[in-house]
Protein backbone atom coordinates (compact mmCIF):
# COMPACT_ATOMS: atom_id res chain seq x y z
CA UNK A 1 19.60 21.73 20.81
CA UNK A 2 16.34 24.57 21.01
CA UNK A 3 15.11 21.94 18.03
CA UNK A 4 14.41 19.34 20.71
CA UNK A 5 11.85 19.26 22.94
CA UNK A 6 9.22 16.84 24.52
CA UNK A 7 5.86 15.01 22.96
CA UNK A 8 4.13 17.50 24.62
CA UNK A 9 5.88 20.46 23.91
CA UNK A 10 6.12 20.03 19.98
CA UNK A 11 2.59 19.57 19.72
CA UNK A 12 1.08 22.63 20.85
CA UNK A 13 2.42 23.61 17.21
CA UNK A 14 -0.99 22.18 16.17
CA UNK A 15 -4.20 24.57 15.97
CA UNK A 16 -8.00 24.25 15.93
CA UNK A 17 -9.20 24.42 12.41
CA UNK A 18 -5.45 23.18 11.16
CA UNK A 19 -4.61 19.72 8.83
CA UNK A 20 -1.94 17.72 10.11
CA UNK A 21 -0.55 14.77 7.55
CA UNK A 22 1.10 11.79 9.41
CA UNK A 23 3.63 9.27 7.85
CA UNK A 24 2.47 5.72 7.35
CA UNK A 25 2.61 2.55 7.35
CA UNK A 26 5.24 1.40 9.87
CA UNK A 27 6.54 4.68 10.36
CA UNK A 28 3.41 6.61 12.13
CA UNK A 29 4.93 8.50 14.79
CA UNK A 30 2.15 7.09 17.11
CA UNK A 31 3.97 9.18 19.94
CA UNK A 32 3.15 12.25 17.94
CA UNK A 33 -0.42 11.29 18.00
CA UNK A 34 -1.07 10.17 21.15
CA UNK A 35 0.68 13.32 22.83
CA UNK A 36 -2.18 15.10 20.20
CA UNK A 37 -4.35 12.95 21.31
CA UNK A 38 -4.07 14.17 24.78
CA UNK A 39 -4.85 18.07 23.82
CA UNK A 40 -8.02 16.46 22.40
CA UNK A 41 -10.07 19.67 25.28
CA UNK A 42 -8.15 22.43 23.97
CA UNK A 43 -8.58 21.61 20.10
CA UNK A 44 -11.73 21.88 17.53
CA UNK A 45 -11.55 20.48 14.20
CA UNK A 46 -8.35 19.43 13.68
CA UNK A 47 -8.07 17.46 10.07
CA UNK A 48 -5.83 14.14 10.52
CA UNK A 49 -4.85 13.13 7.05
CA UNK A 50 -2.92 9.76 6.19
CA UNK A 51 -2.77 6.47 4.39
CA UNK A 52 -2.90 3.49 6.19
CA UNK A 53 -1.15 3.59 9.66
CA UNK A 54 0.01 0.61 12.23
CA UNK A 55 -0.29 0.52 15.48
CA UNK A 56 -3.13 2.60 17.91
CA UNK A 57 -5.21 5.86 16.59
CA UNK A 58 -6.59 7.45 19.34
CA UNK A 59 -7.66 10.61 17.98
CA UNK A 60 -9.91 8.52 15.79
CA UNK A 61 -12.47 7.62 18.84
CA UNK A 62 -15.86 9.07 18.67
CA UNK A 63 -16.04 10.91 21.64
CA UNK A 64 -13.67 13.45 20.35
CA UNK A 65 -15.50 13.83 17.53
CA UNK A 66 -15.52 17.77 18.07
CA UNK A 67 -12.02 17.98 18.60
CA UNK A 68 -10.77 15.62 15.60
CA UNK A 69 -11.94 14.72 11.97
CA UNK A 70 -9.94 11.65 10.47
CA UNK A 71 -9.71 12.04 6.43
CA UNK A 72 -8.47 8.78 5.52
CA UNK A 73 -6.47 8.58 1.55
CA UNK A 74 -6.72 4.04 2.14
CA UNK A 75 -7.98 2.91 5.25
CA UNK A 76 -6.68 0.70 8.14
CA UNK A 77 -8.64 -1.07 10.83
CA UNK A 78 -8.15 1.30 13.52
CA UNK A 79 -9.31 4.01 11.60
CA UNK A 80 -12.17 2.09 9.53
CA UNK A 81 -15.02 2.69 11.98
CA UNK A 82 -14.60 6.15 11.96
CA UNK A 83 -16.94 6.11 8.66
CA UNK A 84 -20.08 4.77 10.05
CA UNK A 85 -19.21 6.52 13.54
CA UNK A 86 -19.32 10.06 11.49
CA UNK A 87 -15.69 11.10 12.77
CA UNK A 88 -13.96 10.38 9.93
CA UNK A 89 -14.31 10.40 5.39
CA UNK A 90 -12.34 8.80 2.75
CA UNK A 91 -10.45 10.83 0.32
CA UNK A 92 -10.33 8.33 -3.32
CA UNK A 93 -7.01 8.76 -4.79
CA UNK A 94 -4.61 7.08 -6.88
CA UNK A 95 -1.31 6.45 -4.82
CA UNK A 96 0.71 8.63 -7.20
CA UNK A 97 -1.56 11.02 -7.17
CA UNK A 98 -1.03 12.43 -3.61
CA UNK A 99 1.09 14.24 -2.99
CA UNK A 100 0.79 15.66 -5.61
CA UNK A 101 -2.62 16.69 -4.05
CA UNK A 102 -0.04 18.71 -1.18
CA UNK A 103 2.31 20.28 -3.78
CA UNK A 104 -0.90 22.39 -5.87
CA UNK A 105 -2.44 22.88 -2.39
CA UNK A 106 -5.87 20.89 -3.03
CA UNK A 107 -5.34 20.16 0.36
CA UNK A 108 -2.82 22.14 2.25
CA UNK A 109 -0.86 21.27 5.24
CA UNK A 110 -0.51 23.09 8.14
CA UNK A 111 1.33 20.34 10.28
CA UNK A 112 3.48 17.15 9.12
CA UNK A 113 4.17 14.17 11.53
CA UNK A 114 6.84 12.18 10.74
CA UNK A 115 9.18 9.40 12.44
CA UNK A 116 13.08 9.89 11.33
CA UNK A 117 16.36 7.99 11.95
CA UNK A 118 18.58 10.74 14.13
CA UNK A 119 20.50 12.55 12.41
CA UNK A 120 24.19 11.66 10.62
CA UNK A 121 26.73 14.11 11.36
CA UNK A 122 25.84 15.91 8.21
CA UNK A 123 22.37 16.56 9.70
CA UNK A 124 20.71 14.37 7.67
CA UNK A 125 17.78 12.15 8.78
CA UNK A 126 15.94 9.38 6.58
CA UNK A 127 12.25 9.02 6.66
CA UNK A 128 12.88 5.22 6.80
CA UNK A 129 10.50 2.83 6.11
CA UNK A 130 7.94 5.09 4.59
CA UNK A 131 8.10 7.44 1.86
CA UNK A 132 4.94 7.53 0.01
CA UNK A 133 3.62 11.49 0.74
CA UNK A 134 5.52 12.42 3.37
CA UNK A 135 8.34 14.28 1.28
CA UNK A 136 5.75 16.37 0.04
CA UNK A 137 3.95 16.86 2.72
CA UNK A 138 6.73 18.06 4.48
CA UNK A 139 7.48 20.53 1.66
CA UNK A 140 3.70 22.43 2.21
CA UNK A 141 3.46 22.23 5.55
CA UNK A 142 4.07 24.99 7.84
CA UNK A 143 5.51 23.30 10.75
CA UNK A 144 7.46 19.70 10.52
CA UNK A 145 7.61 17.60 13.58
CA UNK A 146 9.75 14.63 13.98
CA UNK A 147 9.91 11.27 16.08
CA UNK A 148 13.44 10.65 16.32
CA UNK A 149 13.89 7.21 16.76
CA UNK A 150 17.34 4.93 16.71
CA UNK A 151 15.30 2.02 15.74
CA UNK A 152 13.96 3.77 12.57
CA UNK A 153 16.68 1.88 10.18
CA UNK A 154 18.51 4.47 7.70
CA UNK A 155 17.26 4.27 4.23
CA UNK A 156 17.92 5.29 0.97
CA UNK A 157 16.33 7.82 -2.00
CA UNK A 158 13.78 10.50 -1.76
CA UNK A 159 13.08 9.99 2.34
CA UNK A 160 16.98 11.72 3.44
CA UNK A 161 16.34 14.64 4.73
CA UNK A 162 18.40 17.38 6.69
CA UNK A 163 17.40 18.45 10.13
CA UNK A 164 16.84 21.91 9.10
CA UNK A 165 13.51 21.07 7.30
CA UNK A 166 12.39 19.54 10.57
CA UNK A 167 11.52 22.16 12.84
CA UNK A 168 10.47 20.29 16.12
CA UNK A 169 12.40 16.82 17.33
CA UNK A 170 11.18 14.73 19.77
CA UNK A 171 13.57 11.80 20.87
CA UNK A 172 11.85 8.72 21.32
CA UNK A 173 12.90 5.17 21.19
CA UNK A 174 10.58 2.38 20.45
CA UNK A 175 9.70 -0.56 18.02
CA UNK A 176 9.09 0.01 14.15
CA UNK A 177 5.34 -1.31 14.17
CA UNK A 178 5.48 -4.44 11.85
CA UNK A 179 4.39 -8.52 10.54
CA UNK A 180 5.99 -11.63 11.44
CA UNK A 181 5.73 -13.76 7.94
CA UNK A 182 2.36 -15.92 8.07
CA UNK A 183 2.27 -19.59 6.92
CA UNK A 184 0.21 -19.51 3.91
CA UNK A 185 -2.74 -22.31 3.26
CA UNK A 186 -2.95 -24.67 0.70
CA UNK A 187 -6.01 -22.94 -0.91
CA UNK A 188 -2.94 -19.68 -0.98
CA UNK A 189 0.23 -22.37 -1.67
CA UNK A 190 -1.71 -23.34 -4.97
CA UNK A 191 -2.51 -19.72 -6.07
CA UNK A 192 1.34 -18.35 -5.44
CA UNK A 193 1.88 -21.33 -7.35
CA UNK A 194 -0.35 -20.37 -10.71
CA UNK A 195 1.18 -16.64 -10.60
CA UNK A 196 4.48 -17.70 -10.46
CA UNK A 197 4.00 -19.94 -13.12
CA UNK A 198 3.76 -16.45 -15.46
CA UNK A 199 6.30 -15.46 -13.93
CA UNK A 200 9.60 -15.38 -17.19
CA UNK A 201 13.14 -14.74 -16.13
CA UNK A 202 14.49 -11.26 -16.59
CA UNK A 203 10.38 -10.01 -15.37
CA UNK A 204 10.19 -7.45 -12.55
CA UNK A 205 8.15 -7.51 -9.86
CA UNK A 206 5.14 -5.81 -8.09
CA UNK A 207 3.87 -7.33 -5.09
CA UNK A 208 2.52 -6.41 -1.91
CA UNK A 209 2.37 -7.68 2.02
CA UNK A 210 0.27 -11.48 2.67
CA UNK A 211 0.19 -15.07 2.13
CA UNK A 212 -0.99 -15.10 -1.36
CA UNK A 213 2.88 -12.84 -2.37
CA UNK A 214 4.91 -14.80 -0.16
CA UNK A 215 3.83 -18.36 -1.76
CA UNK A 216 4.17 -16.47 -5.30
CA UNK A 217 7.59 -15.50 -3.84
CA UNK A 218 8.57 -19.27 -3.02
CA UNK A 219 7.84 -20.69 -5.69
CA UNK A 220 10.46 -18.94 -7.66
CA UNK A 221 13.95 -19.99 -5.83
CA UNK A 222 15.07 -21.05 -9.46
CA UNK A 223 14.28 -18.42 -11.37
CA UNK A 224 17.04 -15.85 -13.08
CA UNK A 225 17.40 -12.32 -12.95
CA UNK A 226 14.02 -10.76 -11.25
CA UNK A 227 13.59 -7.07 -11.17
CA UNK A 228 11.62 -5.73 -8.14
CA UNK A 229 9.88 -2.30 -8.80
CA UNK A 230 6.71 -2.18 -6.44
CA UNK A 231 4.77 0.15 -4.13
CA UNK A 232 5.72 -1.70 -0.55
CA UNK A 233 7.34 -5.07 0.29
CA UNK A 234 7.51 -7.56 2.79
CA UNK A 235 9.92 -10.43 4.38
CA UNK A 236 9.37 -12.75 1.11
CA UNK A 237 12.23 -10.83 -1.34
CA UNK A 238 14.73 -11.00 0.76
CA UNK A 239 15.62 -14.78 0.70
CA UNK A 240 15.88 -13.77 -3.39
CA UNK A 241 17.61 -10.80 -3.15
CA UNK A 242 20.41 -12.58 -0.98
CA UNK A 243 20.56 -15.78 -3.19
CA UNK A 244 20.81 -13.39 -6.43
CA UNK A 245 17.33 -14.30 -7.79
CA UNK A 246 16.75 -10.67 -7.68
CA UNK A 247 18.90 -8.29 -8.70
CA UNK A 248 17.19 -6.02 -10.91
CA UNK A 249 20.08 -6.52 -13.87
CA UNK A 250 17.43 -5.84 -16.27
CA UNK A 251 14.52 -3.10 -14.58
CA UNK A 252 13.94 -0.79 -16.87
CA UNK A 253 13.94 2.06 -14.12
CA UNK A 254 16.34 2.09 -11.98
CA UNK A 255 18.56 -0.67 -12.90
CA UNK A 256 20.27 -2.55 -10.27
CA UNK A 257 18.39 -0.96 -7.07
CA UNK A 258 14.71 -2.46 -5.89
CA UNK A 259 12.09 0.35 -5.87
CA UNK A 260 9.41 0.84 -3.27
CA UNK A 261 7.51 3.33 -1.74
CA UNK A 262 6.90 1.66 1.55
CA UNK A 263 7.36 -1.11 3.78
CA UNK A 264 6.60 -3.31 6.34
CA UNK A 265 7.58 -6.46 7.40
CA UNK A 266 9.52 -8.29 10.52
CA UNK A 267 12.73 -6.70 12.38
CA UNK A 268 14.64 -8.98 9.94
CA UNK A 269 13.07 -7.08 7.35
CA UNK A 270 14.36 -3.31 8.85
CA UNK A 271 17.64 -4.60 9.69
CA UNK A 272 17.97 -5.79 6.02
CA UNK A 273 16.84 -2.58 4.25
CA UNK A 274 18.96 -0.38 7.23
CA UNK A 275 22.29 1.33 5.22
CA UNK A 276 21.74 -1.04 2.17
CA UNK A 277 22.15 0.85 -1.09
CA UNK A 278 20.32 -1.91 -3.04
CA UNK A 279 17.39 -0.72 -1.69
CA UNK A 280 15.74 2.56 -3.18
CA UNK A 281 12.97 4.61 -1.68
CA UNK A 282 11.05 6.81 -3.19
CA UNK A 283 8.19 9.63 -3.47
CA UNK A 284 4.69 7.81 -4.83
CA UNK A 285 4.24 9.89 -7.62
CA UNK A 286 7.59 8.55 -8.64
CA UNK A 287 7.56 4.79 -7.99
CA UNK A 288 3.19 4.46 -8.76
CA UNK A 289 3.78 6.64 -12.12
CA UNK A 290 2.85 4.40 -14.61
CA UNK A 291 5.39 6.10 -17.52
CA UNK A 292 8.23 4.85 -14.82
CA UNK A 293 6.66 1.37 -14.36
CA UNK A 294 6.08 0.48 -18.03
CA UNK A 295 9.67 1.08 -18.73
CA UNK A 296 10.60 -2.20 -17.28
CA UNK A 297 10.04 -5.33 -19.47
CA UNK A 298 8.09 -8.36 -18.41
CA UNK A 299 6.82 -5.97 -15.78
CA UNK A 300 4.23 -8.41 -13.30
CA UNK A 301 1.67 -6.86 -11.23
CA UNK A 302 0.31 -8.70 -8.64
CA UNK A 303 -2.83 -7.38 -7.03
CA UNK A 304 -5.77 -8.96 -5.36
CA UNK A 305 -9.43 -8.05 -4.69
CA UNK A 306 -12.49 -8.32 -2.16
CA UNK A 307 -14.42 -9.81 -5.58
CA UNK A 308 -13.85 -9.88 -8.99
CA UNK A 309 -17.55 -9.95 -11.36
CA UNK A 310 -17.58 -12.48 -14.29
CA UNK A 311 -16.81 -9.91 -16.73
CA UNK A 312 -13.64 -9.08 -14.82
CA UNK A 313 -14.51 -5.61 -12.75
CA UNK A 314 -12.21 -5.99 -9.93
CA UNK A 315 -13.63 -4.78 -6.25
CA UNK A 316 -10.70 -3.99 -3.64
CA UNK A 317 -11.51 -1.18 -1.98
CA UNK A 318 -15.50 -1.82 -0.42
CA UNK A 319 -17.61 -4.55 0.88
CA UNK A 320 -20.86 -2.63 -1.05
CA UNK A 321 -20.83 0.37 0.05
CA UNK A 322 -18.70 -0.02 3.06
CA UNK A 323 -15.29 1.14 2.77
CA UNK A 324 -12.64 -1.54 3.42
CA UNK A 325 -9.53 0.14 2.64
CA UNK A 326 -8.62 2.00 -0.70
CA UNK A 327 -8.20 2.54 -4.30
CA UNK A 328 -4.22 2.68 -3.42
CA UNK A 329 -2.09 1.49 -6.16
CA UNK A 330 -3.53 -0.96 -7.77
CA UNK A 331 -4.39 0.97 -10.93
CA UNK A 332 -1.09 2.33 -11.05
CA UNK A 333 0.40 -1.25 -11.30
CA UNK A 334 -1.91 -2.93 -13.21
CA UNK A 335 -2.04 -0.71 -16.00
CA UNK A 336 1.60 0.21 -16.04
CA UNK A 337 2.20 -3.45 -16.69
CA UNK A 338 -0.30 -4.08 -19.86
CA UNK A 339 1.48 -1.51 -21.07
CA UNK A 340 5.18 -3.00 -20.03
CA UNK A 341 6.65 -5.30 -22.79
CA UNK A 342 5.87 -8.34 -22.10
CA UNK A 343 4.25 -7.47 -19.25
CA UNK A 344 1.61 -9.04 -17.08
CA UNK A 345 -1.35 -7.29 -15.18
CA UNK A 346 -2.73 -10.37 -12.80
CA UNK A 347 -5.29 -10.04 -9.71
CA UNK A 348 -4.87 -13.30 -7.16
CA UNK A 349 -7.62 -13.92 -4.78
CA UNK A 350 -9.04 -16.94 -2.78
CA UNK A 351 -12.41 -18.24 -4.70
CA UNK A 352 -14.52 -18.02 -1.11
CA UNK A 353 -14.36 -15.93 2.15
CA UNK A 354 -13.46 -17.56 5.20
CA UNK A 355 -17.67 -17.96 5.31
CA UNK A 356 -17.85 -19.20 2.21
CA UNK A 357 -19.14 -16.49 -0.06
CA UNK A 358 -18.15 -16.85 -3.17
CA UNK A 359 -15.57 -13.77 -4.46
CA UNK A 360 -16.36 -14.82 -7.65
CA UNK A 361 -20.11 -13.29 -8.38
CA UNK A 362 -22.46 -12.38 -11.52
CA UNK A 363 -22.10 -8.61 -10.33
CA UNK A 364 -21.14 -6.88 -8.07
CA UNK A 365 -22.87 -5.96 -4.84
CA UNK A 366 -24.82 -3.26 -4.85
CA UNK A 367 -22.56 -0.24 -3.95
CA UNK A 368 -19.07 -1.72 -4.60
CA UNK A 369 -16.84 0.14 -6.26
CA UNK A 370 -14.53 -0.40 -9.18
CA UNK A 371 -10.77 0.03 -8.77
CA UNK A 372 -9.95 -1.63 -11.95
CA UNK A 373 -11.96 -2.06 -14.84
CA UNK A 374 -12.80 -4.57 -17.09
CA UNK A 375 -11.36 -3.46 -19.92
CA UNK A 376 -7.41 -3.07 -17.67
CA UNK A 377 -7.63 -6.87 -16.46
CA UNK A 378 -5.63 -9.66 -17.89
CA UNK A 379 -5.67 -12.56 -15.33
CA UNK A 380 -7.11 -13.33 -12.56
CA UNK A 381 -5.98 -15.92 -10.50
CA UNK A 382 -7.88 -18.39 -7.90
CA UNK A 383 -6.99 -21.79 -6.04
CA UNK A 384 -8.74 -23.59 -9.10
CA UNK A 385 -6.98 -21.89 -11.76
CA UNK A 386 -5.96 -19.09 -14.15
CA UNK A 387 -8.35 -17.46 -16.04
CA UNK A 388 -7.15 -15.19 -19.05
CA UNK A 389 -9.25 -12.44 -20.21
CA UNK A 390 -6.82 -10.11 -21.77
CA UNK A 391 -8.85 -10.24 -25.98
CA UNK A 392 -11.84 -11.78 -24.47
CA UNK A 393 -15.38 -10.96 -25.27
CA UNK A 394 -18.06 -11.07 -22.16
CA UNK A 395 -19.20 -13.87 -22.95
CA UNK A 396 -16.08 -15.84 -23.18
CA UNK A 397 -14.67 -13.84 -19.98
CA UNK A 398 -18.12 -15.18 -17.79
CA UNK A 399 -16.45 -18.96 -19.43
CA UNK A 400 -13.36 -17.98 -18.21
CA UNK A 401 -14.29 -16.86 -14.21
CA UNK A 402 -16.71 -19.87 -13.73
CA UNK A 403 -14.00 -21.82 -13.96
CA UNK A 404 -11.54 -20.52 -11.13
CA UNK A 405 -14.73 -20.42 -9.25
CA UNK A 406 -15.25 -22.33 -6.43
CA UNK A 407 -17.21 -26.08 -7.66
CA UNK A 408 -19.72 -24.84 -5.14
CA UNK A 409 -21.35 -21.98 -6.72
CA UNK A 410 -19.99 -22.08 -10.26
CA UNK A 411 -23.45 -23.32 -11.69
CA UNK A 412 -25.20 -20.35 -9.69
CA UNK A 413 -22.53 -18.01 -10.85
CA UNK A 414 -23.17 -18.18 -13.94
CA UNK A 415 -27.66 -18.74 -13.99
CA UNK A 416 -27.24 -15.60 -12.11
CA UNK A 417 -25.68 -13.46 -14.45
CA UNK A 418 -27.34 -14.90 -17.75
CA UNK A 419 -30.61 -13.93 -16.20
CA UNK A 420 -29.64 -10.86 -15.28
CA UNK A 421 -29.65 -9.99 -18.65
CA UNK A 422 -32.86 -11.32 -19.73
């Protein structure tokens, strides 16, 4: 019982010049990060590193730049400002690779902040809704501090850890960060229908959160024997699992089980995955391993983008040179699906932004990053149709891509591309 302390006591273990890893997404242990931020005047040059996190990130306040520096492996809205303000950095890395950076001591971890369910009668806790690179961080950290929460779902897989692996435990009782499903627009509904038209029975799916994935899932109610091997999932899969549409019978990797590395959704989702042996939460080095992804027959990877040029180059992490999100697992799954027997790699996005700018462009903005190359992409989908780029020449690709651009931009996009070549 001596391991149980207050948050203020626990974070005293963090020293100046330490690197702290924070568990990601909906599992962000914000009671601990708030307590750490309260010590700002006592600390200097503490690096706080993590993937996208939900909830507040007070350590990212530029006024605390002498105390904390944010190193993001995937940028969320709560820390995006740090790059311009100078108190943050972005490290590009495939999600499949992040655990290796810790295990190889490329990025040594001093302290890991985690968020777990209470220990069971055998002393085992669960990392719940987010495993990603946290297991590797726990294994390599000198000190592990856990926020212990009865509201954290207990999930199976790599996230089961014994209390002896944790140095300090801080009891809390707070809701898990979440998102309620959103209604999708007419354009998103059209995109979802196009996506669903490419999905065959006995396919295995990878898709994320948001209106487009939900729109696609809503069109799969009459499909049969689908599988789920995905970086993350949300509420949209629950009805399909309960109706037996998603049963994972024909997967090649972890047959008979849903496989993911983190999840974000509503309380309904968290209740659904709690103590549910059909759901396996594994480390991202396994879930996002291209060699394992490709073992699933008819693997369908559905990802999005900020903009795509007419040759098929996909920018998904920046707006020009300004970082917006990160590399994440897009390439892991795009390549895995492409190599799968009967697999399909799909990028789905609206044809224009909310401001009416085309997201199908003759060339990417200056400084934009290419997350998926033109040689990896197969299908690009907008509300205006499907562009099949697989095996197409550059000129053929331009023709395909112009067709799915917004009608008001089609002529200017094609002209700008060919003018550039003169």
